[in-house]
Amino acid sequence: MASYTTRIELVNPDASDYELLHQEMRDRQFYRVLSYCGFWYDMPEAEYDRTSDLAVDLVYNDAVSAVQAVINNKPINDKQQKKAFYTLVTRADGPRQQLLPKTTEVAKLPPGASL
């Protein structure tokens, strides 16, 4: 299985859009934590980790579906600006180096995982 890091930047979001995005991403098995050496670490804001056998284009399509659901929910923000997004999906083909805080939020973990 490969690990993918996905970054999504919402353009002209409303205050609640990132929380909705986090839920949409979680529903598609993208998590806001990274497992490393038996510990869970918080990903930077608006970044997600996913472990999958899927090819990068299919992981990308899943991420785009999640963010599109957020935008389709309310395409124009409270300031009457059109919403959009940018995204980047990368596959980790080898070991990763990271400096991230250990998570304390069980709700961020994949189903069945524990701290």
C-alpha atoms as a PDB file:
ATOM      1  CA  MET A   1       0.000   0.000   0.000  1.00  0.00           C
ATOM      2  CA  ALA A   2       1.152   3.513  -0.762  1.00  0.00           C
ATOM      3  CA  SER A   3       0.835   6.612   1.379  1.00  0.00           C
ATOM      4  CA  TYR A   4      -0.468   9.807  -0.164  1.00  0.00           C
ATOM      5  CA  THR A   5      -0.304  13.333   1.159  1.00  0.00           C
ATOM      6  CA  THR A   6      -3.038  15.631  -0.085  1.00  0.00           C
ATOM      7  CA  ARG A   7      -3.154  19.397   0.374  1.00  0.00           C
ATOM      8  CA  ILE A   8      -6.313  21.357  -0.311  1.00  0.00           C
ATOM      9  CA  GLU A   9      -6.609  25.123  -0.229  1.00  0.00           C
ATOM     10  CA  LEU A  10     -10.103  26.555  -0.370  1.00  0.00           C
ATOM     11  CA  VAL A  11     -10.445  29.861  -2.199  1.00  0.00           C
ATOM     12  CA  ASN A  12     -12.964  32.323  -0.724  1.00  0.00           C
ATOM     13  CA  PRO A  13     -14.208  29.890   1.946  1.00  0.00           C
ATOM     14  CA  ASP A  14     -16.784  30.613   4.605  1.00  0.00           C
ATOM     15  CA  ALA A  15     -15.793  30.022   8.230  1.00  0.00           C
ATOM     16  CA  SER A  16     -17.356  26.548   8.382  1.00  0.00           C
ATOM     17  CA  ASP A  17     -16.053  25.218   5.052  1.00  0.00           C
ATOM     18  CA  TYR A  18     -12.869  23.622   6.399  1.00  0.00           C
ATOM     19  CA  GLU A  19     -14.804  21.671   9.050  1.00  0.00           C
ATOM     20  CA  LEU A  20     -17.111  20.380   6.326  1.00  0.00           C
ATOM     21  CA  LEU A  21     -14.065  19.572   4.194  1.00  0.00           C
ATOM     22  CA  HIS A  22     -12.485  17.608   7.042  1.00  0.00           C
ATOM     23  CA  GLN A  23     -15.639  15.481   7.304  1.00  0.00           C
ATOM     24  CA  GLU A  24     -15.918  14.951   3.533  1.00  0.00           C
ATOM     25  CA  MET A  25     -12.256  13.907   3.402  1.00  0.00           C
ATOM     26  CA  ARG A  26     -12.644  11.571   6.377  1.00  0.00           C
ATOM     27  CA  ASP A  27     -15.644   9.954   4.678  1.00  0.00           C
ATOM     28  CA  ARG A  28     -13.248   9.148   1.800  1.00  0.00           C
ATOM     29  CA  GLN A  29     -10.498   7.768   4.098  1.00  0.00           C
ATOM     30  CA  PHE A  30      -8.289  10.861   4.147  1.00  0.00           C
ATOM     31  CA  TYR A  31      -7.118  11.577   7.682  1.00  0.00           C
ATOM     32  CA  ARG A  32      -5.605  14.621   9.370  1.00  0.00           C
ATOM     33  CA  VAL A  33      -2.992  12.465  11.087  1.00  0.00           C
ATOM     34  CA  LEU A  34       0.079  10.530  10.010  1.00  0.00           C
ATOM     35  CA  SER A  35       1.251   7.259  11.557  1.00  0.00           C
ATOM     36  CA  TYR A  36       4.998   7.030  12.123  1.00  0.00           C
ATOM     37  CA  CYS A  37       6.937   4.565  14.307  1.00  0.00           C
ATOM     38  CA  GLY A  38       3.848   3.606  16.300  1.00  0.00           C
ATOM     39  CA  PHE A  39       2.712   7.160  17.033  1.00  0.00           C
ATOM     40  CA  TRP A  40       0.110   9.428  15.441  1.00  0.00           C
ATOM     41  CA  TYR A  41       1.040  12.953  14.408  1.00  0.00           C
ATOM     42  CA  ASP A  42      -1.183  15.886  13.419  1.00  0.00           C
ATOM     43  CA  MET A  43      -0.840  16.909   9.788  1.00  0.00           C
ATOM     44  CA  PRO A  44      -0.487  20.628   8.987  1.00  0.00           C
ATOM     45  CA  GLU A  45      -3.764  22.453   8.504  1.00  0.00           C
ATOM     46  CA  ALA A  46      -5.598  21.435   5.288  1.00  0.00           C
ATOM     47  CA  GLU A  47      -3.312  18.442   4.681  1.00  0.00           C
ATOM     48  CA  TYR A  48      -4.415  14.837   4.784  1.00  0.00           C
ATOM     49  CA  ASP A  49      -2.857  11.391   4.682  1.00  0.00           C
ATOM     50  CA  ARG A  50      -4.336   8.361   2.970  1.00  0.00           C
ATOM     51  CA  THR A  51      -2.986   4.837   2.679  1.00  0.00           C
ATOM     52  CA  SER A  52      -4.358   3.036  -0.351  1.00  0.00           C
ATOM     53  CA  ASP A  53      -3.701   0.591  -3.161  1.00  0.00           C
ATOM     54  CA  LEU A  54      -5.278   3.051  -5.597  1.00  0.00           C
ATOM     55  CA  ALA A  55      -3.266   4.908  -8.222  1.00  0.00           C
ATOM     56  CA  VAL A  56      -2.533   8.579  -7.612  1.00  0.00           C
ATOM     57  CA  ASP A  57      -5.130   9.739 -10.157  1.00  0.00           C
ATOM     58  CA  LEU A  58      -7.893   7.866  -8.318  1.00  0.00           C
ATOM     59  CA  VAL A  59      -6.789   9.259  -4.948  1.00  0.00           C
ATOM     60  CA  TYR A  60      -6.782  12.719  -6.555  1.00  0.00           C
ATOM     61  CA  ASN A  61     -10.314  12.130  -7.909  1.00  0.00           C
ATOM     62  CA  ASP A  62     -11.524  11.150  -4.423  1.00  0.00           C
ATOM     63  CA  ALA A  63     -10.045  14.332  -2.950  1.00  0.00           C
ATOM     64  CA  VAL A  64     -11.600  16.479  -5.675  1.00  0.00           C
ATOM     65  CA  SER A  65     -14.979  14.820  -5.041  1.00  0.00           C
ATOM     66  CA  ALA A  66     -14.725  15.743  -1.370  1.00  0.00           C
ATOM     67  CA  VAL A  67     -13.854  19.379  -1.973  1.00  0.00           C
ATOM     68  CA  GLN A  68     -16.436  19.663  -4.743  1.00  0.00           C
ATOM     69  CA  ALA A  69     -19.094  18.487  -2.275  1.00  0.00           C
ATOM     70  CA  VAL A  70     -18.091  21.361   0.020  1.00  0.00           C
ATOM     71  CA  ILE A  71     -18.273  23.903  -2.782  1.00  0.00           C
ATOM     72  CA  ASN A  72     -21.545  22.508  -4.160  1.00  0.00           C
ATOM     73  CA  ASN A  73     -23.058  22.862  -0.683  1.00  0.00           C
ATOM     74  CA  LYS A  74     -22.753  26.663  -1.014  1.00  0.00           C
ATOM     75  CA  PRO A  75     -20.901  27.856  -4.164  1.00  0.00           C
ATOM     76  CA  ILE A  76     -20.923  31.556  -3.210  1.00  0.00           C
ATOM     77  CA  ASN A  77     -19.510  32.713   0.135  1.00  0.00           C
ATOM     78  CA  ASP A  78     -21.034  35.188   2.580  1.00  0.00           C
ATOM     79  CA  LYS A  79     -19.230  38.054   0.791  1.00  0.00           C
ATOM     80  CA  GLN A  80     -20.801  37.022  -2.544  1.00  0.00           C
ATOM     81  CA  GLN A  81     -17.510  35.633  -3.890  1.00  0.00           C
ATOM     82  CA  LYS A  82     -17.340  32.447  -5.927  1.00  0.00           C
ATOM     83  CA  LYS A  83     -15.626  29.561  -4.121  1.00  0.00           C
ATOM     84  CA  ALA A  84     -12.872  27.489  -5.716  1.00  0.00           C
ATOM     85  CA  PHE A  85      -9.929  25.345  -4.614  1.00  0.00           C
ATOM     86  CA  TYR A  86      -6.384  24.215  -5.281  1.00  0.00           C
ATOM     87  CA  THR A  87      -5.145  20.718  -4.555  1.00  0.00           C
ATOM     88  CA  LEU A  88      -1.938  18.724  -4.667  1.00  0.00           C
ATOM     89  CA  VAL A  89      -1.621  14.947  -4.191  1.00  0.00           C
ATOM     90  CA  THR A  90       1.781  13.313  -3.768  1.00  0.00           C
ATOM     91  CA  ARG A  91       2.698   9.687  -3.283  1.00  0.00           C
ATOM     92  CA  ALA A  92       5.351   8.794  -0.720  1.00  0.00           C
ATOM     93  CA  ASP A  93       7.449   6.095  -2.383  1.00  0.00           C
ATOM     94  CA  GLY A  94       9.847   5.700   0.498  1.00  0.00           C
ATOM     95  CA  PRO A  95      10.485   6.771   4.056  1.00  0.00           C
ATOM     96  CA  ARG A  96       9.196  10.164   5.129  1.00  0.00           C
ATOM     97  CA  GLN A  97      10.877  12.748   7.266  1.00  0.00           C
ATOM     98  CA  GLN A  98       8.611  14.870   9.389  1.00  0.00           C
ATOM     99  CA  LEU A  99       8.463  17.197  12.329  1.00  0.00           C
ATOM    100  CA  LEU A 100       4.865  17.227  13.514  1.00  0.00           C
ATOM    101  CA  PRO A 101       3.177  17.335  16.916  1.00  0.00           C
ATOM    102  CA  LYS A 102       1.804  14.080  18.332  1.00  0.00           C
ATOM    103  CA  THR A 103      -1.949  14.087  18.129  1.00  0.00           C
ATOM    104  CA  THR A 104      -4.128  14.024  21.207  1.00  0.00           C
ATOM    105  CA  GLU A 105      -7.401  13.809  19.265  1.00  0.00           C
ATOM    106  CA  VAL A 106      -8.771  10.291  18.881  1.00  0.00           C
ATOM    107  CA  ALA A 107     -11.461  11.676  16.541  1.00  0.00           C
ATOM    108  CA  LYS A 108      -8.777  12.384  13.903  1.00  0.00           C
ATOM    109  CA  LEU A 109      -7.625   8.752  13.765  1.00  0.00           C
ATOM    110  CA  PRO A 110      -8.796   6.172  11.226  1.00  0.00           C
ATOM    111  CA  PRO A 111     -11.544   3.844  12.466  1.00  0.00           C
ATOM    112  CA  GLY A 112     -10.159   1.219  14.849  1.00  0.00           C
ATOM    113  CA  ALA A 113      -6.905   3.089  15.551  1.00  0.00           C
ATOM    114  CA  SER A 114      -5.930   4.204  19.024  1.00  0.00           C
ATOM    115  CA  LEU A 115      -3.421   6.576  20.577  1.00  0.00           C
END
